[in-house]
């Protein structure tokens, strides 16, 4: 009989809910993709109601809160970068979409662009992923991917 580890975050714990982005990180196969998809409706709503500056502020805010929440999560759920933690993808996806108007096709392109940069980890994202420990190690590569995505989308929008 296996024992239940009560020190692990439970589905009702804030760090569990937040870090898994309402449980999307627990879905099978590609949790980062689910987290990025789960970020899109929130980005859309913020763009409609507050424009790019609200989305930019939210991306920074979620990254700062994620530093604390991921640190708490990692204490109770060991691992360098648990697959269940997808709030880092949310922040990076929001950064990618900061200057993208709420348009279905552009959001789809922004989603693909962010996932590309998140998976390829172009330097210095690869350095951050290999070198940093704890919450910064989980988050910083996605911040870089979000910045790369934002710049790519700005170029694309310029020629659109």
N, C-alpha and C. Protein backbone atom coordinates (compact mmCIF):
# COMPACT_ATOMS: atom_id res chain seq x y z
N UNK A 1 0.85 -1.18 0.00
CA UNK A 1 0.00 0.00 0.00
C UNK A 1 0.90 1.24 0.00
N UNK A 2 0.64 2.18 -0.88
CA UNK A 2 1.44 3.40 -0.92
C UNK A 2 0.90 4.42 0.08
N UNK A 3 1.83 5.21 0.56
CA UNK A 3 1.45 6.25 1.51
C UNK A 3 1.19 7.55 0.77
N UNK A 4 0.28 8.31 1.28
CA UNK A 4 -0.03 9.61 0.69
C UNK A 4 0.95 10.63 1.26
N UNK A 5 1.57 11.40 0.38
CA UNK A 5 2.50 12.43 0.80
C UNK A 5 1.69 13.71 1.07
N UNK A 6 1.44 13.98 2.33
CA UNK A 6 0.62 15.14 2.69
C UNK A 6 1.34 16.46 2.51
N UNK A 7 2.65 16.43 2.35
CA UNK A 7 3.38 17.68 2.18
C UNK A 7 3.28 18.21 0.75
N UNK A 8 2.84 17.37 -0.19
CA UNK A 8 2.67 17.83 -1.57
C UNK A 8 1.50 18.80 -1.67
N UNK A 9 1.60 19.79 -2.54
CA UNK A 9 0.45 20.67 -2.74
C UNK A 9 -0.76 19.85 -3.21
N UNK A 10 -1.89 20.16 -2.68
CA UNK A 10 -3.12 19.50 -3.09
C UNK A 10 -3.86 20.40 -4.07
N UNK A 11 -4.80 19.83 -4.82
CA UNK A 11 -5.51 20.62 -5.82
C UNK A 11 -6.20 21.87 -5.27
N UNK A 12 -6.40 21.96 -3.98
CA UNK A 12 -7.02 23.17 -3.42
C UNK A 12 -5.99 24.21 -2.98
N UNK A 13 -4.71 23.86 -2.97
CA UNK A 13 -3.67 24.80 -2.56
C UNK A 13 -3.47 25.85 -3.65
N UNK A 14 -3.26 27.11 -3.22
CA UNK A 14 -3.08 28.19 -4.18
C UNK A 14 -1.91 27.90 -5.11
N UNK A 15 -0.77 27.47 -4.56
CA UNK A 15 0.40 27.26 -5.42
C UNK A 15 0.13 26.17 -6.46
N UNK A 16 -0.61 25.14 -6.08
CA UNK A 16 -0.94 24.07 -7.03
C UNK A 16 -1.85 24.60 -8.13
N UNK A 17 -2.91 25.29 -7.75
CA UNK A 17 -3.88 25.82 -8.72
C UNK A 17 -3.21 26.84 -9.65
N UNK A 18 -2.44 27.74 -9.06
CA UNK A 18 -1.80 28.79 -9.83
C UNK A 18 -0.71 28.23 -10.74
N UNK A 19 0.18 27.42 -10.17
CA UNK A 19 1.30 26.90 -10.95
C UNK A 19 0.86 25.97 -12.07
N UNK A 20 -0.22 25.23 -11.87
CA UNK A 20 -0.72 24.34 -12.92
C UNK A 20 -1.75 25.05 -13.80
N UNK A 21 -1.91 26.33 -13.59
CA UNK A 21 -2.88 27.18 -14.32
C UNK A 21 -4.24 26.50 -14.36
N UNK A 22 -4.80 26.38 -13.15
CA UNK A 22 -6.13 25.82 -12.94
C UNK A 22 -6.21 24.34 -13.36
N UNK A 23 -5.09 23.64 -13.24
CA UNK A 23 -5.06 22.22 -13.52
C UNK A 23 -4.67 21.85 -14.94
N UNK A 24 -4.49 22.83 -15.83
CA UNK A 24 -4.13 22.52 -17.22
C UNK A 24 -2.79 21.79 -17.31
N UNK A 25 -1.89 22.08 -16.39
CA UNK A 25 -0.59 21.43 -16.38
C UNK A 25 -0.66 19.95 -16.04
N UNK A 26 -1.80 19.51 -15.55
CA UNK A 26 -2.00 18.09 -15.23
C UNK A 26 -2.59 17.31 -16.40
N UNK A 27 -2.94 17.99 -17.48
CA UNK A 27 -3.47 17.29 -18.65
C UNK A 27 -2.36 16.46 -19.30
N UNK A 28 -2.72 15.38 -19.98
CA UNK A 28 -1.69 14.49 -20.52
C UNK A 28 -0.94 15.09 -21.70
N UNK A 29 0.23 14.54 -21.92
CA UNK A 29 1.10 14.81 -23.05
C UNK A 29 1.79 16.16 -22.95
N UNK A 30 1.35 17.18 -23.56
CA UNK A 30 2.11 18.43 -23.71
C UNK A 30 1.59 19.51 -22.74
N UNK A 31 1.94 19.44 -21.46
CA UNK A 31 1.37 20.39 -20.51
C UNK A 31 1.71 21.85 -20.81
N UNK A 32 2.92 22.12 -21.34
CA UNK A 32 3.27 23.49 -21.68
C UNK A 32 2.36 24.06 -22.75
N UNK A 33 1.99 23.23 -23.70
CA UNK A 33 1.08 23.67 -24.76
C UNK A 33 -0.30 23.96 -24.18
N UNK A 34 -0.77 23.10 -23.27
CA UNK A 34 -2.06 23.35 -22.61
C UNK A 34 -2.01 24.66 -21.83
N UNK A 35 -0.90 24.90 -21.13
CA UNK A 35 -0.77 26.15 -20.37
C UNK A 35 -0.80 27.36 -21.28
N UNK A 36 -0.10 27.29 -22.42
CA UNK A 36 -0.10 28.39 -23.38
C UNK A 36 -1.50 28.62 -23.96
N UNK A 37 -2.19 27.53 -24.27
CA UNK A 37 -3.57 27.66 -24.76
C UNK A 37 -4.47 28.29 -23.71
N UNK A 38 -4.27 27.89 -22.46
CA UNK A 38 -5.08 28.44 -21.37
C UNK A 38 -4.81 29.91 -21.10
N UNK A 39 -3.69 30.41 -21.58
CA UNK A 39 -3.35 31.82 -21.41
C UNK A 39 -4.09 32.71 -22.42
N UNK A 40 -4.46 32.14 -23.56
CA UNK A 40 -5.02 32.94 -24.66
C UNK A 40 -6.31 33.67 -24.32
N UNK A 41 -7.33 33.03 -23.72
CA UNK A 41 -8.55 33.78 -23.44
C UNK A 41 -8.34 34.94 -22.47
N UNK A 42 -7.43 34.76 -21.51
CA UNK A 42 -7.13 35.84 -20.57
C UNK A 42 -6.45 36.99 -21.29
N UNK A 43 -5.50 36.67 -22.19
CA UNK A 43 -4.82 37.70 -22.96
C UNK A 43 -5.81 38.47 -23.82
N UNK A 44 -6.71 37.73 -24.46
CA UNK A 44 -7.72 38.36 -25.32
C UNK A 44 -8.56 39.35 -24.51
N UNK A 45 -9.04 38.91 -23.34
CA UNK A 45 -9.88 39.77 -22.50
C UNK A 45 -9.12 41.02 -22.06
N UNK A 46 -7.87 40.84 -21.68
CA UNK A 46 -7.08 42.01 -21.24
C UNK A 46 -6.83 42.97 -22.40
N UNK A 47 -6.59 42.43 -23.60
CA UNK A 47 -6.39 43.30 -24.77
C UNK A 47 -7.66 44.09 -25.08
N UNK A 48 -8.81 43.43 -24.98
CA UNK A 48 -10.08 44.10 -25.29
C UNK A 48 -10.38 45.18 -24.24
N UNK A 49 -10.19 44.85 -22.98
CA UNK A 49 -10.59 45.77 -21.90
C UNK A 49 -9.54 46.80 -21.52
N UNK A 50 -8.28 46.48 -21.73
CA UNK A 50 -7.26 47.42 -21.27
C UNK A 50 -6.13 47.69 -22.23
N UNK A 51 -6.10 46.98 -23.34
CA UNK A 51 -5.07 47.20 -24.34
C UNK A 51 -3.74 46.58 -23.97
N UNK A 52 -2.72 46.92 -24.74
CA UNK A 52 -1.41 46.27 -24.58
C UNK A 52 -0.75 46.55 -23.23
N UNK A 53 -1.01 47.71 -22.65
CA UNK A 53 -0.33 48.02 -21.39
C UNK A 53 -0.89 47.20 -20.24
N UNK A 54 -2.16 46.89 -20.28
CA UNK A 54 -2.72 46.00 -19.25
C UNK A 54 -2.13 44.60 -19.40
N UNK A 55 -2.03 44.11 -20.62
CA UNK A 55 -1.46 42.78 -20.84
C UNK A 55 0.01 42.75 -20.44
N UNK A 56 0.76 43.79 -20.76
CA UNK A 56 2.17 43.86 -20.36
C UNK A 56 2.31 43.86 -18.84
N UNK A 57 1.49 44.66 -18.18
CA UNK A 57 1.53 44.72 -16.71
C UNK A 57 1.15 43.37 -16.11
N UNK A 58 0.16 42.71 -16.69
CA UNK A 58 -0.27 41.39 -16.20
C UNK A 58 0.84 40.36 -16.41
N UNK A 59 1.55 40.43 -17.53
CA UNK A 59 2.65 39.49 -17.79
C UNK A 59 3.76 39.66 -16.75
N UNK A 60 4.08 40.89 -16.43
CA UNK A 60 5.10 41.15 -15.40
C UNK A 60 4.59 40.69 -14.04
N UNK A 61 3.34 41.02 -13.72
CA UNK A 61 2.78 40.66 -12.42
C UNK A 61 2.70 39.14 -12.24
N UNK A 62 2.25 38.43 -13.26
CA UNK A 62 2.13 36.98 -13.12
C UNK A 62 3.50 36.34 -12.97
N UNK A 63 4.51 36.91 -13.61
CA UNK A 63 5.87 36.37 -13.48
C UNK A 63 6.39 36.58 -12.06
N UNK A 64 6.13 37.74 -11.49
CA UNK A 64 6.59 38.00 -10.12
C UNK A 64 5.86 37.13 -9.10
N UNK A 65 4.55 36.98 -9.25
CA UNK A 65 3.79 36.11 -8.35
C UNK A 65 4.22 34.66 -8.55
N UNK A 66 4.52 34.30 -9.79
CA UNK A 66 4.95 32.93 -10.09
C UNK A 66 6.27 32.60 -9.40
N UNK A 67 7.17 33.57 -9.27
CA UNK A 67 8.42 33.31 -8.55
C UNK A 67 8.14 32.78 -7.15
N UNK A 68 7.22 33.41 -6.46
CA UNK A 68 6.89 32.99 -5.10
C UNK A 68 6.14 31.66 -5.12
N UNK A 69 5.14 31.55 -5.97
CA UNK A 69 4.31 30.34 -6.00
C UNK A 69 5.12 29.12 -6.43
N UNK A 70 6.00 29.27 -7.41
CA UNK A 70 6.80 28.14 -7.87
C UNK A 70 7.78 27.71 -6.80
N UNK A 71 8.38 28.68 -6.09
CA UNK A 71 9.26 28.32 -4.98
C UNK A 71 8.51 27.47 -3.96
N UNK A 72 7.30 27.86 -3.62
CA UNK A 72 6.49 27.08 -2.68
C UNK A 72 6.17 25.71 -3.27
N UNK A 73 5.79 25.67 -4.52
CA UNK A 73 5.46 24.41 -5.19
C UNK A 73 6.66 23.46 -5.17
N UNK A 74 7.86 23.98 -5.47
CA UNK A 74 9.05 23.14 -5.56
C UNK A 74 9.48 22.57 -4.21
N UNK A 75 9.15 23.27 -3.13
CA UNK A 75 9.46 22.75 -1.80
C UNK A 75 8.66 21.48 -1.55
N UNK A 76 7.44 21.46 -2.02
CA UNK A 76 6.54 20.34 -1.75
C UNK A 76 6.48 19.33 -2.90
N UNK A 77 6.95 19.71 -4.07
CA UNK A 77 6.85 18.86 -5.25
C UNK A 77 8.21 18.92 -5.94
N UNK A 78 9.17 18.15 -5.47
CA UNK A 78 10.55 18.30 -5.95
C UNK A 78 10.71 18.03 -7.45
N UNK A 79 11.73 18.64 -7.97
CA UNK A 79 12.07 18.49 -9.38
C UNK A 79 12.65 19.79 -9.89
N UNK A 80 13.48 19.71 -10.91
CA UNK A 80 14.09 20.93 -11.45
C UNK A 80 13.06 21.81 -12.14
N UNK A 81 12.20 21.21 -12.94
CA UNK A 81 11.18 21.94 -13.68
C UNK A 81 10.01 21.00 -13.92
N UNK A 82 9.17 20.82 -12.88
CA UNK A 82 8.06 19.86 -13.04
C UNK A 82 7.17 20.22 -14.22
N UNK A 83 6.81 19.22 -14.99
CA UNK A 83 5.98 19.44 -16.18
C UNK A 83 4.64 20.05 -15.83
N UNK A 84 4.15 19.78 -14.62
CA UNK A 84 2.83 20.30 -14.20
C UNK A 84 2.82 21.82 -14.08
N UNK A 85 3.98 22.42 -13.83
CA UNK A 85 4.08 23.87 -13.66
C UNK A 85 4.05 24.52 -15.04
N UNK A 86 2.95 25.21 -15.33
CA UNK A 86 2.78 25.85 -16.64
C UNK A 86 2.51 27.34 -16.54
N UNK A 87 2.52 27.89 -15.34
CA UNK A 87 2.28 29.33 -15.20
C UNK A 87 3.40 30.12 -15.89
N UNK A 88 4.58 29.52 -16.02
CA UNK A 88 5.66 30.18 -16.75
C UNK A 88 5.31 30.35 -18.23
N UNK A 89 4.62 29.36 -18.78
CA UNK A 89 4.15 29.48 -20.17
C UNK A 89 3.09 30.57 -20.30
N UNK A 90 2.26 30.73 -19.30
CA UNK A 90 1.23 31.78 -19.33
C UNK A 90 1.89 33.15 -19.44
N UNK A 91 2.85 33.41 -18.57
CA UNK A 91 3.54 34.71 -18.60
C UNK A 91 4.25 34.94 -19.92
N UNK A 92 4.94 33.92 -20.43
CA UNK A 92 5.63 34.05 -21.71
C UNK A 92 4.69 34.25 -22.87
N UNK A 93 3.56 33.53 -22.85
CA UNK A 93 2.57 33.68 -23.92
C UNK A 93 1.99 35.08 -23.90
N UNK A 94 1.70 35.60 -22.70
CA UNK A 94 1.18 36.96 -22.60
C UNK A 94 2.19 37.98 -23.13
N UNK A 95 3.48 37.79 -22.83
CA UNK A 95 4.50 38.70 -23.37
C UNK A 95 4.49 38.69 -24.90
N UNK A 96 4.40 37.51 -25.47
CA UNK A 96 4.37 37.39 -26.94
C UNK A 96 3.23 38.19 -27.53
N UNK A 97 2.09 38.22 -26.86
CA UNK A 97 0.87 38.83 -27.41
C UNK A 97 0.66 40.29 -27.02
N UNK A 98 1.61 40.89 -26.31
CA UNK A 98 1.41 42.25 -25.79
C UNK A 98 0.96 43.23 -26.87
N UNK A 99 1.59 43.22 -28.02
CA UNK A 99 1.25 44.20 -29.07
C UNK A 99 0.39 43.62 -30.18
N UNK A 100 -0.16 42.44 -29.95
CA UNK A 100 -1.00 41.78 -30.95
C UNK A 100 -2.45 42.13 -30.67
N UNK A 101 -3.14 42.73 -31.65
CA UNK A 101 -4.56 43.02 -31.43
C UNK A 101 -5.37 41.73 -31.33
N UNK A 102 -6.49 41.77 -30.62
CA UNK A 102 -7.30 40.56 -30.48
C UNK A 102 -7.90 40.13 -31.83
N UNK A 103 -7.20 39.25 -32.48
CA UNK A 103 -7.58 38.72 -33.78
C UNK A 103 -7.25 37.23 -33.75
N UNK A 104 -8.20 36.40 -34.11
CA UNK A 104 -8.04 34.95 -33.98
C UNK A 104 -6.81 34.43 -34.72
N UNK A 105 -6.62 34.85 -35.96
CA UNK A 105 -5.47 34.37 -36.74
C UNK A 105 -4.16 34.85 -36.12
N UNK A 106 -4.09 36.10 -35.72
CA UNK A 106 -2.86 36.62 -35.12
C UNK A 106 -2.56 35.94 -33.78
N UNK A 107 -3.60 35.64 -33.01
CA UNK A 107 -3.38 34.93 -31.75
C UNK A 107 -2.88 33.51 -32.01
N UNK A 108 -3.39 32.86 -33.04
CA UNK A 108 -2.92 31.53 -33.41
C UNK A 108 -1.45 31.58 -33.81
N UNK A 109 -1.09 32.58 -34.60
CA UNK A 109 0.31 32.75 -35.01
C UNK A 109 1.18 33.03 -33.78
N UNK A 110 0.71 33.91 -32.90
CA UNK A 110 1.44 34.22 -31.68
C UNK A 110 1.63 33.00 -30.79
N UNK A 111 0.61 32.15 -30.74
CA UNK A 111 0.71 30.91 -29.99
C UNK A 111 1.81 30.02 -30.56
N UNK A 112 1.81 29.83 -31.88
CA UNK A 112 2.81 28.98 -32.54
C UNK A 112 4.21 29.58 -32.37
N UNK A 113 4.33 30.88 -32.51
CA UNK A 113 5.62 31.56 -32.36
C UNK A 113 6.17 31.35 -30.95
N UNK A 114 5.33 31.57 -29.93
CA UNK A 114 5.79 31.37 -28.56
C UNK A 114 6.20 29.92 -28.31
N UNK A 115 5.37 28.97 -28.74
CA UNK A 115 5.69 27.56 -28.52
C UNK A 115 7.01 27.20 -29.21
N UNK A 116 7.26 27.76 -30.40
CA UNK A 116 8.53 27.51 -31.10
C UNK A 116 9.70 27.97 -30.24
N UNK A 117 9.63 29.21 -29.77
CA UNK A 117 10.75 29.73 -28.97
C UNK A 117 10.86 29.04 -27.62
N UNK A 118 9.74 28.64 -27.05
CA UNK A 118 9.77 27.94 -25.76
C UNK A 118 10.42 26.57 -25.91
N UNK A 119 10.17 25.89 -27.00
CA UNK A 119 10.71 24.54 -27.19
C UNK A 119 12.17 24.57 -27.67
N UNK A 120 12.54 25.55 -28.50
CA UNK A 120 13.90 25.57 -29.04
C UNK A 120 14.90 26.19 -28.07
N UNK A 121 14.45 27.02 -27.16
CA UNK A 121 15.30 27.63 -26.14
C UNK A 121 16.58 28.23 -26.74
N UNK A 122 16.37 29.19 -27.61
CA UNK A 122 17.49 29.90 -28.23
C UNK A 122 18.22 30.72 -27.17
N UNK A 123 19.55 30.74 -27.25
CA UNK A 123 20.37 31.43 -26.26
C UNK A 123 19.90 32.88 -26.11
N UNK A 124 19.83 33.41 -24.91
CA UNK A 124 20.27 32.94 -23.61
C UNK A 124 19.23 32.11 -22.85
N UNK A 125 18.10 31.78 -23.48
CA UNK A 125 17.10 30.95 -22.81
C UNK A 125 17.68 29.58 -22.46
N UNK A 126 18.48 29.01 -23.35
CA UNK A 126 19.10 27.71 -23.07
C UNK A 126 20.05 27.80 -21.88
N UNK A 127 20.81 28.90 -21.80
CA UNK A 127 21.70 29.11 -20.67
C UNK A 127 20.90 29.18 -19.37
N UNK A 128 19.83 29.96 -19.36
CA UNK A 128 19.01 30.11 -18.16
C UNK A 128 18.41 28.77 -17.75
N UNK A 129 17.94 28.01 -18.73
CA UNK A 129 17.32 26.71 -18.45
C UNK A 129 18.32 25.74 -17.82
N UNK A 130 19.57 25.76 -18.30
CA UNK A 130 20.60 24.85 -17.79
C UNK A 130 21.21 25.32 -16.48
N UNK A 131 21.31 26.62 -16.28
CA UNK A 131 22.13 27.16 -15.20
C UNK A 131 21.35 27.54 -13.95
N UNK A 132 20.19 28.13 -14.09
CA UNK A 132 19.46 28.66 -12.95
C UNK A 132 18.68 27.56 -12.24
N UNK A 133 18.62 27.66 -10.93
CA UNK A 133 17.88 26.69 -10.13
C UNK A 133 16.61 27.32 -9.57
N UNK A 134 15.72 26.47 -9.07
CA UNK A 134 14.50 26.93 -8.42
C UNK A 134 13.57 27.64 -9.36
N UNK A 135 12.78 28.54 -8.80
CA UNK A 135 11.79 29.26 -9.59
C UNK A 135 12.40 30.06 -10.75
N UNK A 136 13.54 30.75 -10.54
CA UNK A 136 14.13 31.44 -11.70
C UNK A 136 14.47 30.49 -12.85
N UNK A 137 14.93 29.29 -12.52
CA UNK A 137 15.24 28.31 -13.55
C UNK A 137 14.02 27.85 -14.32
N UNK A 138 12.88 27.83 -13.64
CA UNK A 138 11.63 27.44 -14.29
C UNK A 138 11.11 28.58 -15.17
N UNK A 139 11.28 29.82 -14.70
CA UNK A 139 10.63 30.98 -15.34
C UNK A 139 11.42 31.67 -16.44
N UNK A 140 12.71 31.87 -16.23
CA UNK A 140 13.46 32.81 -17.07
C UNK A 140 13.51 32.39 -18.54
N UNK A 141 13.61 31.09 -18.81
CA UNK A 141 13.64 30.68 -20.22
C UNK A 141 12.33 31.04 -20.92
N UNK A 142 11.21 31.00 -20.18
CA UNK A 142 9.93 31.37 -20.79
C UNK A 142 9.81 32.88 -20.96
N UNK A 143 10.45 33.64 -20.09
CA UNK A 143 10.48 35.10 -20.27
C UNK A 143 11.24 35.43 -21.56
N UNK A 144 12.39 34.78 -21.75
CA UNK A 144 13.13 34.98 -23.01
C UNK A 144 12.29 34.57 -24.21
N UNK A 145 11.63 33.42 -24.13
CA UNK A 145 10.78 32.97 -25.24
C UNK A 145 9.67 33.98 -25.51
N UNK A 146 9.11 34.56 -24.45
CA UNK A 146 8.07 35.57 -24.60
C UNK A 146 8.60 36.84 -25.27
N UNK A 147 9.81 37.24 -24.89
CA UNK A 147 10.41 38.43 -25.50
C UNK A 147 10.72 38.16 -26.97
N UNK A 148 11.31 37.00 -27.26
CA UNK A 148 11.56 36.65 -28.67
C UNK A 148 10.26 36.63 -29.46
N UNK A 149 9.22 36.06 -28.86
CA UNK A 149 7.92 36.00 -29.51
C UNK A 149 7.34 37.39 -29.74
N UNK A 150 7.48 38.27 -28.74
CA UNK A 150 6.98 39.64 -28.88
C UNK A 150 7.68 40.35 -30.03
N UNK A 151 9.00 40.23 -30.10
CA UNK A 151 9.75 40.89 -31.18
C UNK A 151 9.38 40.31 -32.54
N UNK A 152 9.21 39.00 -32.61
CA UNK A 152 8.80 38.37 -33.86
C UNK A 152 7.43 38.86 -34.30
N UNK A 153 6.50 38.95 -33.34
CA UNK A 153 5.15 39.41 -33.68
C UNK A 153 5.16 40.89 -34.09
N UNK A 154 6.02 41.71 -33.48
CA UNK A 154 6.12 43.11 -33.89
C UNK A 154 6.59 43.22 -35.33
N UNK A 155 7.57 42.41 -35.71
CA UNK A 155 8.06 42.41 -37.10
C UNK A 155 6.94 41.93 -38.02
N UNK A 156 6.27 40.85 -37.63
CA UNK A 156 5.18 40.33 -38.46
C UNK A 156 4.07 41.36 -38.62
N UNK A 157 3.70 42.03 -37.53
CA UNK A 157 2.64 43.04 -37.59
C UNK A 157 3.05 44.23 -38.46
N UNK A 158 4.33 44.57 -38.44
CA UNK A 158 4.83 45.67 -39.25
C UNK A 158 4.59 45.40 -40.75
N UNK A 159 4.77 44.14 -41.15
CA UNK A 159 4.61 43.78 -42.56
C UNK A 159 3.23 43.23 -42.89
N UNK A 160 2.36 43.08 -41.90
CA UNK A 160 1.02 42.48 -42.08
C UNK A 160 0.16 43.37 -42.94
